[in-house]
Amino acid sequence: MTGAPLPSGANAVVKVEDTEFNFFSAGAAAPQQVAVLSPAEPGQFIRRRGDDLHAGQKVLIAGRKLHAQEMGLLATLGVAQVEVYRLARAALFTSGDELIPGE
């Protein structure tokens, strides 16, 4: 499945859509046999660690609002903590004759 570790000795990944599972007993938790319906080429569907980013590459810009996607990216990179700041809030209160009607 996507994201699973590659078993030792494997050199390709076959999409689950290109397989057929056979359960020999009704209560079997795992398939007893898996048929591969299309041939796999060496290296097929394998992404090596670090293939998507390069060392030193900037992945997030300072000041960017963090959403679930950014948090997922940080987790993928093994970043457990980041320094963040809350957006500043400002308010204006008047208590006298500081304001005059516009002209």
C-alpha atoms as a PDB file:
ATOM      1  CA  MET A   1       0.000   0.000   0.000  1.00  0.00           C
ATOM      2  CA  THR A   2       1.038   3.624  -0.416  1.00  0.00           C
ATOM      3  CA  GLY A   3       3.658   4.693   2.104  1.00  0.00           C
ATOM      4  CA  ALA A   4       4.387   1.190   3.357  1.00  0.00           C
ATOM      5  CA  PRO A   5       8.004   0.134   3.849  1.00  0.00           C
ATOM      6  CA  LEU A   6       9.466  -1.876   1.000  1.00  0.00           C
ATOM      7  CA  PRO A   7      10.103  -5.492   2.024  1.00  0.00           C
ATOM      8  CA  SER A   8      13.720  -6.649   1.945  1.00  0.00           C
ATOM      9  CA  GLY A   9      14.657  -7.916  -1.509  1.00  0.00           C
ATOM     10  CA  ALA A  10      11.762  -6.190  -3.302  1.00  0.00           C
ATOM     11  CA  ASN A  11      12.640  -4.026  -6.315  1.00  0.00           C
ATOM     12  CA  ALA A  12       9.168  -2.899  -7.459  1.00  0.00           C
ATOM     13  CA  VAL A  13       5.691  -2.160  -6.165  1.00  0.00           C
ATOM     14  CA  VAL A  14       2.511  -3.538  -7.704  1.00  0.00           C
ATOM     15  CA  LYS A  15      -0.632  -1.417  -7.334  1.00  0.00           C
ATOM     16  CA  VAL A  16      -3.296  -3.158  -5.269  1.00  0.00           C
ATOM     17  CA  GLU A  17      -5.649  -2.614  -8.236  1.00  0.00           C
ATOM     18  CA  ASP A  18      -3.373  -4.941 -10.230  1.00  0.00           C
ATOM     19  CA  THR A  19      -3.660  -7.783  -7.726  1.00  0.00           C
ATOM     20  CA  GLU A  20      -6.236 -10.340  -6.732  1.00  0.00           C
ATOM     21  CA  PHE A  21      -6.504 -11.693  -3.191  1.00  0.00           C
ATOM     22  CA  ASN A  22      -7.661 -15.228  -2.367  1.00  0.00           C
ATOM     23  CA  PHE A  23      -8.895 -16.021   1.146  1.00  0.00           C
ATOM     24  CA  PHE A  24      -9.104 -19.790   1.577  1.00  0.00           C
ATOM     25  CA  SER A  25     -11.206 -19.654   4.719  1.00  0.00           C
ATOM     26  CA  ALA A  26     -14.151 -17.387   5.444  1.00  0.00           C
ATOM     27  CA  GLY A  27     -12.642 -16.075   8.703  1.00  0.00           C
ATOM     28  CA  ALA A  28      -9.087 -15.547   7.409  1.00  0.00           C
ATOM     29  CA  ALA A  29      -7.731 -12.161   8.523  1.00  0.00           C
ATOM     30  CA  ALA A  30      -5.091 -12.005   5.803  1.00  0.00           C
ATOM     31  CA  PRO A  31      -5.070 -13.324   2.238  1.00  0.00           C
ATOM     32  CA  GLN A  32      -3.554 -16.753   1.808  1.00  0.00           C
ATOM     33  CA  GLN A  33      -2.568 -16.023  -1.774  1.00  0.00           C
ATOM     34  CA  VAL A  34      -2.043 -12.882  -3.860  1.00  0.00           C
ATOM     35  CA  ALA A  35      -2.051 -13.001  -7.654  1.00  0.00           C
ATOM     36  CA  VAL A  36      -0.221 -10.271  -9.571  1.00  0.00           C
ATOM     37  CA  LEU A  37      -2.276  -9.495 -12.690  1.00  0.00           C
ATOM     38  CA  SER A  38       0.283  -7.339 -14.542  1.00  0.00           C
ATOM     39  CA  PRO A  39       4.078  -7.582 -14.685  1.00  0.00           C
ATOM     40  CA  ALA A  40       6.129  -5.144 -12.606  1.00  0.00           C
ATOM     41  CA  GLU A  41       9.221  -3.364 -13.903  1.00  0.00           C
ATOM     42  CA  PRO A  42      12.204  -2.934 -11.524  1.00  0.00           C
ATOM     43  CA  GLY A  43      11.885   0.412  -9.742  1.00  0.00           C
ATOM     44  CA  GLN A  44       8.191   0.739 -10.602  1.00  0.00           C
ATOM     45  CA  PHE A  45       6.216   2.905  -8.082  1.00  0.00           C
ATOM     46  CA  ILE A  46       9.172   3.187  -5.717  1.00  0.00           C
ATOM     47  CA  ARG A  47       9.952   6.579  -4.205  1.00  0.00           C
ATOM     48  CA  ARG A  48      13.214   6.719  -2.299  1.00  0.00           C
ATOM     49  CA  ARG A  49      13.452   8.718   0.896  1.00  0.00           C
ATOM     50  CA  GLY A  50      14.276  12.318  -0.011  1.00  0.00           C
ATOM     51  CA  ASP A  51      13.211  12.049  -3.681  1.00  0.00           C
ATOM     52  CA  ASP A  52      10.636  14.822  -3.343  1.00  0.00           C
ATOM     53  CA  LEU A  53      12.879  17.424  -1.650  1.00  0.00           C
ATOM     54  CA  HIS A  54      16.518  18.425  -1.880  1.00  0.00           C
ATOM     55  CA  ALA A  55      18.872  19.167   1.022  1.00  0.00           C
ATOM     56  CA  GLY A  56      18.678  22.855   1.912  1.00  0.00           C
ATOM     57  CA  GLN A  57      15.490  23.420  -0.089  1.00  0.00           C
ATOM     58  CA  LYS A  58      13.111  25.949   1.481  1.00  0.00           C
ATOM     59  CA  VAL A  59       9.768  24.255   2.085  1.00  0.00           C
ATOM     60  CA  LEU A  60       7.829  26.894   4.038  1.00  0.00           C
ATOM     61  CA  ILE A  61       8.080  30.676   3.920  1.00  0.00           C
ATOM     62  CA  ALA A  62       8.261  32.632   7.191  1.00  0.00           C
ATOM     63  CA  GLY A  63       4.957  34.293   7.987  1.00  0.00           C
ATOM     64  CA  ARG A  64       2.867  31.669   6.239  1.00  0.00           C
ATOM     65  CA  LYS A  65      -0.294  30.543   8.006  1.00  0.00           C
ATOM     66  CA  LEU A  66      -0.020  26.885   8.998  1.00  0.00           C
ATOM     67  CA  HIS A  67      -2.822  24.577   7.875  1.00  0.00           C
ATOM     68  CA  ALA A  68      -3.091  20.784   7.989  1.00  0.00           C
ATOM     69  CA  GLN A  69      -1.048  20.487   4.768  1.00  0.00           C
ATOM     70  CA  GLU A  70       1.880  22.421   6.211  1.00  0.00           C
ATOM     71  CA  MET A  71       1.716  20.449   9.447  1.00  0.00           C
ATOM     72  CA  GLY A  72       1.793  17.213   7.414  1.00  0.00           C
ATOM     73  CA  LEU A  73       4.834  18.436   5.488  1.00  0.00           C
ATOM     74  CA  LEU A  74       6.633  19.291   8.724  1.00  0.00           C
ATOM     75  CA  ALA A  75       5.783  15.847  10.142  1.00  0.00           C
ATOM     76  CA  THR A  76       7.090  14.196   6.956  1.00  0.00           C
ATOM     77  CA  LEU A  77      10.369  16.039   7.440  1.00  0.00           C
ATOM     78  CA  GLY A  78      10.577  14.903  11.055  1.00  0.00           C
ATOM     79  CA  VAL A  79      10.091  18.422  12.409  1.00  0.00           C
ATOM     80  CA  ALA A  80       8.367  18.065  15.781  1.00  0.00           C
ATOM     81  CA  GLN A  81       8.455  21.724  16.872  1.00  0.00           C
ATOM     82  CA  VAL A  82       8.374  25.055  15.072  1.00  0.00           C
ATOM     83  CA  GLU A  83       8.392  28.603  16.388  1.00  0.00           C
ATOM     84  CA  VAL A  84       5.077  30.276  15.632  1.00  0.00           C
ATOM     85  CA  TYR A  85       3.482  33.639  16.328  1.00  0.00           C
ATOM     86  CA  ARG A  86      -0.141  34.590  16.728  1.00  0.00           C
ATOM     87  CA  LEU A  87      -1.378  37.260  14.350  1.00  0.00           C
ATOM     88  CA  ALA A  88      -1.346  40.694  15.977  1.00  0.00           C
ATOM     89  CA  ARG A  89      -4.698  42.211  16.887  1.00  0.00           C
ATOM     90  CA  ALA A  90      -5.257  45.916  17.235  1.00  0.00           C
ATOM     91  CA  ALA A  91      -8.246  47.886  18.434  1.00  0.00           C
ATOM     92  CA  LEU A  92      -9.003  51.612  18.584  1.00  0.00           C
ATOM     93  CA  PHE A  93     -11.073  53.027  21.408  1.00  0.00           C
ATOM     94  CA  THR A  94     -12.052  56.670  21.682  1.00  0.00           C
ATOM     95  CA  SER A  95     -13.224  58.307  24.850  1.00  0.00           C
ATOM     96  CA  GLY A  96     -13.663  61.946  23.996  1.00  0.00           C
ATOM     97  CA  ASP A  97     -13.615  64.474  21.200  1.00  0.00           C
ATOM     98  CA  GLU A  98     -10.630  62.989  19.309  1.00  0.00           C
ATOM     99  CA  LEU A  99     -12.786  62.371  16.254  1.00  0.00           C
ATOM    100  CA  ILE A 100     -14.357  65.126  14.231  1.00  0.00           C
ATOM    101  CA  PRO A 101     -16.845  64.764  11.391  1.00  0.00           C
ATOM    102  CA  GLY A 102     -15.244  64.344   7.975  1.00  0.00           C
ATOM    103  CA  GLU A 103     -15.400  67.202   5.554  1.00  0.00           C
END
